[in-house]
Amino acid sequence: MIFVQGNIIGTPGIPWGLEEKKMWLDQQTIKRSYQEQVVAKIELLKQSFPEQLTIEQYGALSRDPNNYTLWAIKTKHWQADKPNILVTGGVHGYETSGVQGALRFVESTMVTYADRFNFIVAPCLSPWGYETINRWTADATDPNRSFNKGTEVEECHYLMTYIADFDLSILCHIDLHETTDTDNSVFRPALEARDAIEQEFSEIPDGFYGVADSANPQPAFQKAIIDAVEKVTHIAPCDENNCLIGTKIEQRGVINYPIRDIGLCAAFTGAPFVSTTEVYPDSPKVDDENCILAQVAAVCGALEYLTEHGIS
C-alpha cells in the first residue's frame, strides 16, 4: 500500500481507479476561504477602479458553482491597436503567491501600463484547489498538464473557451506559479501512487526561476524577467549538475520545457512571449509579501522588455 498525505491509498504497481480517487478526495479538507481571500479582493478592485477595469465571470466549477466562481479582470478601454497581455494565477490552487501576485499586479501596477497594453488577468483558475491547498483538481487531475484542445478539466476548459471567444492574438502570457517543499513531500508521492509510475525526486530550488517554451525560448525576454525579479528577491542557483528541478538550465534562473506538448497553461494561447514563474515560498530568505512582490516584478519585467523593444 502507498501512503499519501499520511493515509494509505492504492496498491503498489496499480494505477488509481475511481475508488482510489474518491478515497483521496475524501481526505481533502477546506483550509482557507476563496470568497474571503480572492473574490472579496476582486470586488474591491471593481469598486476602486470603476473607470479602468471590467470584471467578468467566465465560468463556475460544477463542484460548487455558487462558491467556485471564475473571474477575469480586464482593462476597460480596450483598443484594437494595442497588444494583448494575459496574466494567469492559481492554475495550481496551492501556489498562493501566484493568486495574490496576480491580484496585487492589478491593484498596484496594471493601470500604469494600460496606455500601452490591453490586459486580461485571471487570478485564480482553481478555486477548489485554492481552498484545499491542492495541486490537483477534485478529480485528482493536474490542471497544468491539461491545457489541451477538447480538455474535460473545467479549470482549463473555461479559461480556454473564454479567451478563444475574444478571437484575438495574445502577445504575452505570464503564468504565475510556485515550487514548494510539498512538491516533494506530498504531491510527487501522490502522483507516484496515482499513476503507479516511479517518480524522480529533485532538489527544490531555493529562489525564483522561470520556465520558457523550448520551441520558442526568447532568451532575452526571459533574462529581462530574471533581472527585474532579482531587484526584489533572490534567483535560484542551479545544483551541482547545472540543473533546476532536474532540468538543465538555459541561462541563470531559466529552464526550458516543451510547454505545448505537456499541456501547460502558458502554451494554450500560442503567444510568442511566455513565461511560467516559479517562486519558492519556503525559503528562509523570504516571506509572503516578498513572494507576492516577486510575482509582480516578473510581470513588470516582461512588460518593460516588450515596451523597450517596441514589440507589438
C-alpha atoms as a PDB file:
ATOM      1  CA  MET A   1       0.000   0.000   0.000  1.00  0.00           C
ATOM      2  CA  ILE A   2       1.065   3.627  -0.601  1.00  0.00           C
ATOM      3  CA  PHE A   3       0.968   6.407   1.949  1.00  0.00           C
ATOM      4  CA  VAL A   4      -0.402   9.691   0.591  1.00  0.00           C
ATOM      5  CA  GLN A   5      -0.736  12.638   2.982  1.00  0.00           C
ATOM      6  CA  GLY A   6      -0.411  10.248   5.891  1.00  0.00           C
ATOM      7  CA  ASN A   7      -3.083   7.819   4.742  1.00  0.00           C
ATOM      8  CA  ILE A   8      -2.946   4.623   2.724  1.00  0.00           C
ATOM      9  CA  ILE A   9      -4.334   4.804  -0.796  1.00  0.00           C
ATOM     10  CA  GLY A  10      -3.936   2.225  -3.539  1.00  0.00           C
ATOM     11  CA  THR A  11      -1.763  -0.772  -4.242  1.00  0.00           C
ATOM     12  CA  PRO A  12       1.845  -0.512  -5.469  1.00  0.00           C
ATOM     13  CA  GLY A  13       2.073  -1.054  -9.207  1.00  0.00           C
ATOM     14  CA  ILE A  14      -1.637  -0.487  -9.864  1.00  0.00           C
ATOM     15  CA  PRO A  15      -2.860   2.959 -11.006  1.00  0.00           C
ATOM     16  CA  TRP A  16      -5.750   4.513  -9.151  1.00  0.00           C
ATOM     17  CA  GLY A  17      -9.276   3.875 -10.302  1.00  0.00           C
ATOM     18  CA  LEU A  18     -12.431   5.699  -9.317  1.00  0.00           C
ATOM     19  CA  GLU A  19     -12.452   4.155  -5.835  1.00  0.00           C
ATOM     20  CA  GLU A  20      -8.921   5.320  -5.017  1.00  0.00           C
ATOM     21  CA  LYS A  21      -9.606   8.804  -6.375  1.00  0.00           C
ATOM     22  CA  LYS A  22     -12.686   9.018  -4.180  1.00  0.00           C
ATOM     23  CA  MET A  23     -10.617   7.925  -1.193  1.00  0.00           C
ATOM     24  CA  TRP A  24      -8.131  10.670  -1.988  1.00  0.00           C
ATOM     25  CA  LEU A  25     -10.887  13.259  -2.404  1.00  0.00           C
ATOM     26  CA  ASP A  26     -12.433  12.269   0.919  1.00  0.00           C
ATOM     27  CA  GLN A  27      -9.134  13.164   2.604  1.00  0.00           C
ATOM     28  CA  GLN A  28      -9.173  16.733   1.311  1.00  0.00           C
ATOM     29  CA  THR A  29     -10.432  19.485   3.615  1.00  0.00           C
ATOM     30  CA  ILE A  30     -11.169  23.183   3.295  1.00  0.00           C
ATOM     31  CA  LYS A  31      -8.280  25.156   4.782  1.00  0.00           C
ATOM     32  CA  ARG A  32      -8.986  28.725   3.678  1.00  0.00           C
ATOM     33  CA  SER A  33     -11.724  30.792   2.062  1.00  0.00           C
ATOM     34  CA  TYR A  34     -11.677  31.532  -1.659  1.00  0.00           C
ATOM     35  CA  GLN A  35     -14.527  34.006  -1.214  1.00  0.00           C
ATOM     36  CA  GLU A  36     -12.740  35.959   1.514  1.00  0.00           C
ATOM     37  CA  GLN A  37      -9.198  35.859   0.151  1.00  0.00           C
ATOM     38  CA  VAL A  38      -9.845  36.132  -3.595  1.00  0.00           C
ATOM     39  CA  VAL A  39     -13.403  37.063  -4.608  1.00  0.00           C
ATOM     40  CA  ALA A  40     -13.660  39.831  -1.996  1.00  0.00           C
ATOM     41  CA  LYS A  41     -10.436  41.352  -3.326  1.00  0.00           C
ATOM     42  CA  ILE A  42     -11.759  41.218  -6.882  1.00  0.00           C
ATOM     43  CA  GLU A  43     -14.904  43.039  -5.756  1.00  0.00           C
ATOM     44  CA  LEU A  44     -12.746  45.665  -4.047  1.00  0.00           C
ATOM     45  CA  LEU A  45     -10.790  46.169  -7.261  1.00  0.00           C
ATOM     46  CA  LYS A  46     -14.076  46.692  -9.105  1.00  0.00           C
ATOM     47  CA  GLN A  47     -15.044  49.380  -6.600  1.00  0.00           C
ATOM     48  CA  SER A  48     -11.604  51.005  -6.588  1.00  0.00           C
ATOM     49  CA  PHE A  49     -11.124  51.195 -10.370  1.00  0.00           C
ATOM     50  CA  PRO A  50     -14.614  51.634 -11.869  1.00  0.00           C
ATOM     51  CA  GLU A  51     -13.346  53.661 -14.820  1.00  0.00           C
ATOM     52  CA  GLN A  52     -10.332  51.453 -15.587  1.00  0.00           C
ATOM     53  CA  LEU A  53     -11.417  47.840 -15.037  1.00  0.00           C
ATOM     54  CA  THR A  54     -14.104  45.440 -16.176  1.00  0.00           C
ATOM     55  CA  ILE A  55     -14.773  42.366 -14.040  1.00  0.00           C
ATOM     56  CA  GLU A  56     -16.294  39.345 -15.798  1.00  0.00           C
ATOM     57  CA  GLN A  57     -17.323  35.903 -14.590  1.00  0.00           C
ATOM     58  CA  TYR A  58     -16.241  33.364 -17.177  1.00  0.00           C
ATOM     59  CA  GLY A  59     -17.428  30.173 -15.509  1.00  0.00           C
ATOM     60  CA  ALA A  60     -18.028  28.256 -12.288  1.00  0.00           C
ATOM     61  CA  LEU A  61     -16.839  24.851 -11.169  1.00  0.00           C
ATOM     62  CA  SER A  62     -19.627  22.269 -11.081  1.00  0.00           C
ATOM     63  CA  ARG A  63     -18.492  21.003  -7.681  1.00  0.00           C
ATOM     64  CA  ASP A  64     -19.838  24.170  -6.028  1.00  0.00           C
ATOM     65  CA  PRO A  65     -20.891  26.726  -8.659  1.00  0.00           C
ATOM     66  CA  ASN A  66     -22.040  29.291  -6.111  1.00  0.00           C
ATOM     67  CA  ASN A  67     -18.704  29.349  -4.326  1.00  0.00           C
ATOM     68  CA  TYR A  68     -16.210  28.391  -7.039  1.00  0.00           C
ATOM     69  CA  THR A  69     -16.929  31.185  -9.484  1.00  0.00           C
ATOM     70  CA  LEU A  70     -14.223  32.026 -12.023  1.00  0.00           C
ATOM     71  CA  TRP A  71     -13.297  35.641 -12.655  1.00  0.00           C
ATOM     72  CA  ALA A  72     -11.341  37.691 -15.147  1.00  0.00           C
ATOM     73  CA  ILE A  73     -10.216  41.291 -14.759  1.00  0.00           C
ATOM     74  CA  LYS A  74      -9.878  43.337 -17.966  1.00  0.00           C
ATOM     75  CA  THR A  75      -8.771  46.822 -18.819  1.00  0.00           C
ATOM     76  CA  LYS A  76     -11.958  48.694 -19.679  1.00  0.00           C
ATOM     77  CA  HIS A  77     -10.898  50.865 -22.599  1.00  0.00           C
ATOM     78  CA  TRP A  78      -9.878  48.073 -24.955  1.00  0.00           C
ATOM     79  CA  GLN A  79      -8.122  49.247 -28.102  1.00  0.00           C
ATOM     80  CA  ALA A  80      -7.557  47.025 -31.130  1.00  0.00           C
ATOM     81  CA  ASP A  81      -4.223  48.680 -31.958  1.00  0.00           C
ATOM     82  CA  LYS A  82      -2.642  47.784 -28.600  1.00  0.00           C
ATOM     83  CA  PRO A  83      -1.008  44.400 -27.883  1.00  0.00           C
ATOM     84  CA  ASN A  84      -2.871  41.983 -25.627  1.00  0.00           C
ATOM     85  CA  ILE A  85      -1.405  40.615 -22.396  1.00  0.00           C
ATOM     86  CA  LEU A  86      -2.711  37.632 -20.409  1.00  0.00           C
ATOM     87  CA  VAL A  87      -1.717  37.070 -16.778  1.00  0.00           C
ATOM     88  CA  THR A  88      -2.902  33.924 -15.005  1.00  0.00           C
ATOM     89  CA  GLY A  89      -2.546  32.677 -11.441  1.00  0.00           C
ATOM     90  CA  GLY A  90      -3.786  29.835  -9.319  1.00  0.00           C
ATOM     91  CA  VAL A  91      -3.639  27.159 -12.007  1.00  0.00           C
ATOM     92  CA  HIS A  92      -2.319  25.145  -9.083  1.00  0.00           C
ATOM     93  CA  GLY A  93      -4.520  26.366  -6.270  1.00  0.00           C
ATOM     94  CA  TYR A  94      -1.973  25.733  -3.545  1.00  0.00           C
ATOM     95  CA  GLU A  95       0.526  28.176  -5.075  1.00  0.00           C
ATOM     96  CA  THR A  96      -0.590  31.187  -3.072  1.00  0.00           C
ATOM     97  CA  SER A  97       1.659  33.936  -4.408  1.00  0.00           C
ATOM     98  CA  GLY A  98       0.518  33.223  -7.955  1.00  0.00           C
ATOM     99  CA  VAL A  99      -3.041  34.125  -6.986  1.00  0.00           C
ATOM    100  CA  GLN A 100      -2.167  37.007  -4.710  1.00  0.00           C
ATOM    101  CA  GLY A 101       0.543  38.238  -7.072  1.00  0.00           C
ATOM    102  CA  ALA A 102      -1.943  38.482  -9.940  1.00  0.00           C
ATOM    103  CA  LEU A 103      -4.330  40.457  -7.731  1.00  0.00           C
ATOM    104  CA  ARG A 104      -1.536  42.705  -6.479  1.00  0.00           C
ATOM    105  CA  PHE A 105      -0.393  43.420 -10.022  1.00  0.00           C
ATOM    106  CA  VAL A 106      -3.896  44.637 -10.871  1.00  0.00           C
ATOM    107  CA  GLU A 107      -4.164  46.643  -7.653  1.00  0.00           C
ATOM    108  CA  SER A 108      -0.757  48.297  -7.741  1.00  0.00           C
ATOM    109  CA  THR A 109       0.533  48.411 -11.272  1.00  0.00           C
ATOM    110  CA  MET A 110      -1.653  47.341 -14.172  1.00  0.00           C
ATOM    111  CA  VAL A 111      -3.366  50.652 -14.852  1.00  0.00           C
ATOM    112  CA  THR A 112       0.031  52.340 -15.309  1.00  0.00           C
ATOM    113  CA  TYR A 113       0.592  50.104 -18.338  1.00  0.00           C
ATOM    114  CA  ALA A 114      -2.934  50.426 -19.721  1.00  0.00           C
ATOM    115  CA  ASP A 115      -1.908  53.123 -22.203  1.00  0.00           C
ATOM    116  CA  ARG A 116       0.402  50.588 -23.860  1.00  0.00           C
ATOM    117  CA  PHE A 117      -1.369  47.235 -23.479  1.00  0.00           C
ATOM    118  CA  ASN A 118      -4.770  45.597 -23.188  1.00  0.00           C
ATOM    119  CA  PHE A 119      -4.910  43.227 -20.218  1.00  0.00           C
ATOM    120  CA  ILE A 120      -6.809  40.126 -19.189  1.00  0.00           C
ATOM    121  CA  VAL A 121      -5.957  38.821 -15.711  1.00  0.00           C
ATOM    122  CA  ALA A 122      -7.413  35.543 -14.444  1.00  0.00           C
ATOM    123  CA  PRO A 123      -6.126  35.442 -10.855  1.00  0.00           C
ATOM    124  CA  CYS A 124      -7.363  32.040  -9.674  1.00  0.00           C
ATOM    125  CA  LEU A 125      -8.181  29.283 -12.142  1.00  0.00           C
ATOM    126  CA  SER A 126      -8.502  26.576  -9.468  1.00  0.00           C
ATOM    127  CA  PRO A 127     -10.620  27.862  -6.568  1.00  0.00           C
ATOM    128  CA  TRP A 128     -11.246  24.387  -5.127  1.00  0.00           C
ATOM    129  CA  GLY A 129      -7.503  23.822  -5.194  1.00  0.00           C
ATOM    130  CA  TYR A 130      -7.031  27.188  -3.502  1.00  0.00           C
ATOM    131  CA  GLU A 131      -9.366  26.322  -0.636  1.00  0.00           C
ATOM    132  CA  THR A 132      -7.934  22.834  -0.096  1.00  0.00           C
ATOM    133  CA  ILE A 133      -4.330  23.985  -0.774  1.00  0.00           C
ATOM    134  CA  ASN A 134      -4.034  21.422  -3.529  1.00  0.00           C
ATOM    135  CA  ARG A 135      -2.129  20.944  -6.774  1.00  0.00           C
ATOM    136  CA  TRP A 136      -4.816  18.786  -8.327  1.00  0.00           C
ATOM    137  CA  THR A 137      -8.452  19.319  -9.171  1.00  0.00           C
ATOM    138  CA  ALA A 138     -11.135  17.469  -7.210  1.00  0.00           C
ATOM    139  CA  ASP A 139     -10.862  14.737  -9.853  1.00  0.00           C
ATOM    140  CA  ALA A 140      -7.175  14.172  -8.963  1.00  0.00           C
ATOM    141  CA  THR A 141      -6.026  15.778 -12.217  1.00  0.00           C
ATOM    142  CA  ASP A 142      -3.149  18.231 -12.613  1.00  0.00           C
ATOM    143  CA  PRO A 143      -4.656  21.239 -14.422  1.00  0.00           C
ATOM    144  CA  ASN A 144      -1.221  22.391 -15.562  1.00  0.00           C
ATOM    145  CA  ARG A 145      -0.918  19.286 -17.696  1.00  0.00           C
ATOM    146  CA  SER A 146      -4.406  19.624 -19.139  1.00  0.00           C
ATOM    147  CA  PHE A 147      -4.479  22.716 -21.358  1.00  0.00           C
ATOM    148  CA  ASN A 148      -5.170  20.708 -24.485  1.00  0.00           C
ATOM    149  CA  LYS A 149      -7.799  21.025 -27.191  1.00  0.00           C
ATOM    150  CA  GLY A 150     -11.011  19.376 -26.038  1.00  0.00           C
ATOM    151  CA  THR A 151      -9.897  19.227 -22.396  1.00  0.00           C
ATOM    152  CA  GLU A 152     -12.519  17.995 -19.951  1.00  0.00           C
ATOM    153  CA  VAL A 153     -10.816  19.683 -16.996  1.00  0.00           C
ATOM    154  CA  GLU A 154     -13.162  22.519 -16.073  1.00  0.00           C
ATOM    155  CA  GLU A 155     -10.449  24.788 -14.720  1.00  0.00           C
ATOM    156  CA  CYS A 156      -8.756  24.663 -18.127  1.00  0.00           C
ATOM    157  CA  HIS A 157     -11.819  24.468 -20.356  1.00  0.00           C
ATOM    158  CA  TYR A 158     -13.482  27.603 -19.029  1.00  0.00           C
ATOM    159  CA  LEU A 159     -10.423  29.811 -19.452  1.00  0.00           C
ATOM    160  CA  MET A 160      -9.549  28.419 -22.873  1.00  0.00           C
ATOM    161  CA  THR A 161     -13.117  28.992 -24.073  1.00  0.00           C
ATOM    162  CA  TYR A 162     -13.235  32.498 -22.596  1.00  0.00           C
ATOM    163  CA  ILE A 163     -10.038  33.572 -24.333  1.00  0.00           C
ATOM    164  CA  ALA A 164     -10.994  31.868 -27.614  1.00  0.00           C
ATOM    165  CA  ASP A 165     -14.283  33.764 -27.694  1.00  0.00           C
ATOM    166  CA  PHE A 166     -12.370  37.054 -27.941  1.00  0.00           C
ATOM    167  CA  ASP A 167     -10.844  35.899 -31.227  1.00  0.00           C
ATOM    168  CA  LEU A 168      -7.682  37.912 -30.671  1.00  0.00           C
ATOM    169  CA  SER A 169      -3.956  37.290 -30.629  1.00  0.00           C
ATOM    170  CA  ILE A 170      -2.131  37.311 -27.300  1.00  0.00           C
ATOM    171  CA  LEU A 171       1.347  38.838 -27.441  1.00  0.00           C
ATOM    172  CA  CYS A 172       2.478  37.792 -23.979  1.00  0.00           C
ATOM    173  CA  HIS A 173       1.227  35.318 -21.372  1.00  0.00           C
ATOM    174  CA  ILE A 174       2.760  35.227 -17.887  1.00  0.00           C
ATOM    175  CA  ASP A 175       1.558  32.300 -15.749  1.00  0.00           C
ATOM    176  CA  LEU A 176       2.320  32.751 -12.051  1.00  0.00           C
ATOM    177  CA  HIS A 177       3.394  29.661 -10.063  1.00  0.00           C
ATOM    178  CA  GLU A 178       5.351  28.443  -7.045  1.00  0.00           C
ATOM    179  CA  THR A 179       7.593  25.465  -6.356  1.00  0.00           C
ATOM    180  CA  THR A 180       7.144  24.393  -2.726  1.00  0.00           C
ATOM    181  CA  ASP A 181       8.612  21.801  -0.391  1.00  0.00           C
ATOM    182  CA  THR A 182       5.285  19.962  -0.564  1.00  0.00           C
ATOM    183  CA  ASP A 183       6.007  19.225  -4.222  1.00  0.00           C
ATOM    184  CA  ASN A 184       8.364  16.541  -2.913  1.00  0.00           C
ATOM    185  CA  SER A 185       6.715  15.668   0.388  1.00  0.00           C
ATOM    186  CA  VAL A 186       3.067  15.482  -0.755  1.00  0.00           C
ATOM    187  CA  PHE A 187       2.332  15.933  -4.429  1.00  0.00           C
ATOM    188  CA  ARG A 188       5.025  13.881  -6.118  1.00  0.00           C
ATOM    189  CA  PRO A 189       4.388  10.873  -3.844  1.00  0.00           C
ATOM    190  CA  ALA A 190       0.688  11.232  -4.630  1.00  0.00           C
ATOM    191  CA  LEU A 191       1.467  11.308  -8.348  1.00  0.00           C
ATOM    192  CA  GLU A 192       3.610   8.198  -7.993  1.00  0.00           C
ATOM    193  CA  ALA A 193       0.757   6.400  -6.238  1.00  0.00           C
ATOM    194  CA  ARG A 194      -1.957   7.639  -8.627  1.00  0.00           C
ATOM    195  CA  ASP A 195      -0.155   6.606 -11.803  1.00  0.00           C
ATOM    196  CA  ALA A 196       1.860   3.662 -10.418  1.00  0.00           C
ATOM    197  CA  ILE A 197       4.942   5.182 -12.077  1.00  0.00           C
ATOM    198  CA  GLU A 198       8.120   5.777 -10.117  1.00  0.00           C
ATOM    199  CA  GLN A 199       8.940   9.470  -9.918  1.00  0.00           C
ATOM    200  CA  GLU A 200      12.345  11.130  -9.885  1.00  0.00           C
ATOM    201  CA  PHE A 201      12.740  13.491  -6.961  1.00  0.00           C
ATOM    202  CA  SER A 202      14.877  16.601  -7.493  1.00  0.00           C
ATOM    203  CA  GLU A 203      16.079  19.183  -5.008  1.00  0.00           C
ATOM    204  CA  ILE A 204      13.635  22.073  -4.644  1.00  0.00           C
ATOM    205  CA  PRO A 205      15.445  25.222  -5.863  1.00  0.00           C
ATOM    206  CA  ASP A 206      15.924  27.918  -3.229  1.00  0.00           C
ATOM    207  CA  GLY A 207      14.791  31.014  -5.068  1.00  0.00           C
ATOM    208  CA  PHE A 208      12.942  32.288  -8.093  1.00  0.00           C
ATOM    209  CA  TYR A 209      13.277  30.713 -11.522  1.00  0.00           C
ATOM    210  CA  GLY A 210      11.374  30.859 -14.784  1.00  0.00           C
ATOM    211  CA  VAL A 211      10.200  28.276 -17.300  1.00  0.00           C
ATOM    212  CA  ALA A 212      10.390  29.194 -21.003  1.00  0.00           C
ATOM    213  CA  ASP A 213       8.999  27.475 -24.083  1.00  0.00           C
ATOM    214  CA  SER A 214      11.672  25.206 -25.569  1.00  0.00           C
ATOM    215  CA  ALA A 215      10.082  25.693 -29.018  1.00  0.00           C
ATOM    216  CA  ASN A 216      10.360  29.498 -28.716  1.00  0.00           C
ATOM    217  CA  PRO A 217      12.526  30.335 -25.706  1.00  0.00           C
ATOM    218  CA  GLN A 218      13.021  34.098 -26.203  1.00  0.00           C
ATOM    219  CA  PRO A 219      16.159  34.180 -24.010  1.00  0.00           C
ATOM    220  CA  ALA A 220      16.489  37.986 -23.867  1.00  0.00           C
ATOM    221  CA  PHE A 221      12.874  38.245 -22.717  1.00  0.00           C
ATOM    222  CA  GLN A 222      13.470  35.621 -20.031  1.00  0.00           C
ATOM    223  CA  LYS A 223      16.604  37.436 -18.856  1.00  0.00           C
ATOM    224  CA  ALA A 224      14.642  40.668 -18.520  1.00  0.00           C
ATOM    225  CA  ILE A 225      12.215  38.901 -16.188  1.00  0.00           C
ATOM    226  CA  ILE A 226      15.050  37.472 -14.097  1.00  0.00           C
ATOM    227  CA  ASP A 227      16.756  40.872 -13.891  1.00  0.00           C
ATOM    228  CA  ALA A 228      13.533  42.514 -12.722  1.00  0.00           C
ATOM    229  CA  VAL A 229      12.793  39.854 -10.118  1.00  0.00           C
ATOM    230  CA  GLU A 230      16.330  39.972  -8.764  1.00  0.00           C
ATOM    231  CA  LYS A 231      15.675  43.513  -7.568  1.00  0.00           C
ATOM    232  CA  VAL A 232      13.023  42.054  -5.262  1.00  0.00           C
ATOM    233  CA  THR A 233      14.203  38.554  -4.289  1.00  0.00           C
ATOM    234  CA  HIS A 234      16.964  36.036  -4.906  1.00  0.00           C
ATOM    235  CA  ILE A 235      17.320  33.907  -8.020  1.00  0.00           C
ATOM    236  CA  ALA A 236      17.607  30.134  -7.564  1.00  0.00           C
ATOM    237  CA  PRO A 237      21.129  28.773  -8.090  1.00  0.00           C
ATOM    238  CA  CYS A 238      21.479  25.624 -10.151  1.00  0.00           C
ATOM    239  CA  ASP A 239      22.534  22.370  -8.486  1.00  0.00           C
ATOM    240  CA  GLU A 240      25.832  20.516  -8.960  1.00  0.00           C
ATOM    241  CA  ASN A 241      24.517  19.100 -12.247  1.00  0.00           C
ATOM    242  CA  ASN A 242      23.752  22.557 -13.625  1.00  0.00           C
ATOM    243  CA  CYS A 243      20.043  21.830 -13.248  1.00  0.00           C
ATOM    244  CA  LEU A 244      16.948  23.345 -11.706  1.00  0.00           C
ATOM    245  CA  ILE A 245      14.257  20.862 -10.631  1.00  0.00           C
ATOM    246  CA  GLY A 246      16.011  18.158 -12.647  1.00  0.00           C
ATOM    247  CA  THR A 247      16.240  20.175 -15.884  1.00  0.00           C
ATOM    248  CA  LYS A 248      19.380  21.705 -17.378  1.00  0.00           C
ATOM    249  CA  ILE A 249      19.411  25.484 -17.161  1.00  0.00           C
ATOM    250  CA  GLU A 250      19.464  27.524 -20.352  1.00  0.00           C
ATOM    251  CA  GLN A 251      20.690  30.627 -18.559  1.00  0.00           C
ATOM    252  CA  ARG A 252      20.804  31.735 -14.945  1.00  0.00           C
ATOM    253  CA  GLY A 253      17.399  31.143 -13.392  1.00  0.00           C
ATOM    254  CA  VAL A 254      15.747  29.823 -16.551  1.00  0.00           C
ATOM    255  CA  ILE A 255      14.866  26.347 -17.796  1.00  0.00           C
ATOM    256  CA  ASN A 256      13.006  25.368 -20.957  1.00  0.00           C
ATOM    257  CA  TYR A 257      10.069  22.965 -21.212  1.00  0.00           C
ATOM    258  CA  PRO A 258       8.095  21.712 -24.241  1.00  0.00           C
ATOM    259  CA  ILE A 259       5.113  23.535 -22.805  1.00  0.00           C
ATOM    260  CA  ARG A 260       2.652  22.789 -25.591  1.00  0.00           C
ATOM    261  CA  ASP A 261       3.467  19.075 -25.661  1.00  0.00           C
ATOM    262  CA  ILE A 262       2.771  18.665 -21.950  1.00  0.00           C
ATOM    263  CA  GLY A 263      -0.305  20.896 -21.793  1.00  0.00           C
ATOM    264  CA  LEU A 264       0.956  23.784 -19.691  1.00  0.00           C
ATOM    265  CA  CYS A 265      -1.249  26.825 -19.240  1.00  0.00           C
ATOM    266  CA  ALA A 266       1.390  29.151 -20.714  1.00  0.00           C
ATOM    267  CA  ALA A 267       1.113  27.373 -24.081  1.00  0.00           C
ATOM    268  CA  PHE A 268      -2.575  27.431 -24.904  1.00  0.00           C
ATOM    269  CA  THR A 269      -2.786  30.913 -26.475  1.00  0.00           C
ATOM    270  CA  GLY A 270       0.220  30.414 -28.748  1.00  0.00           C
ATOM    271  CA  ALA A 271       1.623  33.753 -27.547  1.00  0.00           C
ATOM    272  CA  PRO A 272       5.181  34.418 -28.795  1.00  0.00           C
ATOM    273  CA  PHE A 273       6.321  35.697 -25.387  1.00  0.00           C
ATOM    274  CA  VAL A 274       5.537  33.387 -22.472  1.00  0.00           C
ATOM    275  CA  SER A 275       6.953  32.553 -19.081  1.00  0.00           C
ATOM    276  CA  THR A 276       5.889  30.388 -16.189  1.00  0.00           C
ATOM    277  CA  THR A 277       7.189  31.925 -12.983  1.00  0.00           C
ATOM    278  CA  GLU A 278       8.305  29.781 -10.065  1.00  0.00           C
ATOM    279  CA  VAL A 279       8.599  31.364  -6.629  1.00  0.00           C
ATOM    280  CA  TYR A 280       9.947  29.397  -3.642  1.00  0.00           C
ATOM    281  CA  PRO A 281       7.842  30.421  -0.622  1.00  0.00           C
ATOM    282  CA  ASP A 282       9.552  28.008   1.806  1.00  0.00           C
ATOM    283  CA  SER A 283      12.926  29.745   1.634  1.00  0.00           C
ATOM    284  CA  PRO A 284      14.146  31.255   4.929  1.00  0.00           C
ATOM    285  CA  LYS A 285      15.095  34.331   2.894  1.00  0.00           C
ATOM    286  CA  VAL A 286      11.504  35.310   2.002  1.00  0.00           C
ATOM    287  CA  ASP A 287       8.070  35.911   3.445  1.00  0.00           C
ATOM    288  CA  ASP A 288       4.595  36.010   1.913  1.00  0.00           C
ATOM    289  CA  GLU A 289       4.902  39.639   0.899  1.00  0.00           C
ATOM    290  CA  ASN A 290       8.252  39.119  -0.788  1.00  0.00           C
ATOM    291  CA  CYS A 291       6.800  36.265  -2.828  1.00  0.00           C
ATOM    292  CA  ILE A 292       3.898  38.423  -3.984  1.00  0.00           C
ATOM    293  CA  LEU A 293       6.256  41.240  -4.956  1.00  0.00           C
ATOM    294  CA  ALA A 294       8.411  38.786  -6.916  1.00  0.00           C
ATOM    295  CA  GLN A 295       5.395  37.782  -8.997  1.00  0.00           C
ATOM    296  CA  VAL A 296       4.535  41.416  -9.700  1.00  0.00           C
ATOM    297  CA  ALA A 297       8.154  42.129 -10.627  1.00  0.00           C
ATOM    298  CA  ALA A 298       8.134  39.231 -13.103  1.00  0.00           C
ATOM    299  CA  VAL A 299       5.101  40.627 -14.921  1.00  0.00           C
ATOM    300  CA  CYS A 300       6.556  44.130 -14.936  1.00  0.00           C
ATOM    301  CA  GLY A 301       9.900  42.857 -16.212  1.00  0.00           C
ATOM    302  CA  ALA A 302       8.121  41.226 -19.136  1.00  0.00           C
ATOM    303  CA  LEU A 303       6.143  44.389 -19.916  1.00  0.00           C
ATOM    304  CA  GLU A 304       9.204  46.609 -19.713  1.00  0.00           C
ATOM    305  CA  TYR A 305      11.040  44.363 -22.157  1.00  0.00           C
ATOM    306  CA  LEU A 306       8.178  44.490 -24.648  1.00  0.00           C
ATOM    307  CA  THR A 307       7.973  48.268 -24.272  1.00  0.00           C
ATOM    308  CA  GLU A 308      11.705  48.872 -24.573  1.00  0.00           C
ATOM    309  CA  HIS A 309      11.935  46.809 -27.732  1.00  0.00           C
ATOM    310  CA  GLY A 310       8.764  48.215 -29.287  1.00  0.00           C
ATOM    311  CA  ILE A 311       7.216  44.758 -29.641  1.00  0.00           C
ATOM    312  CA  SER A 312       3.559  44.598 -30.520  1.00  0.00           C
END
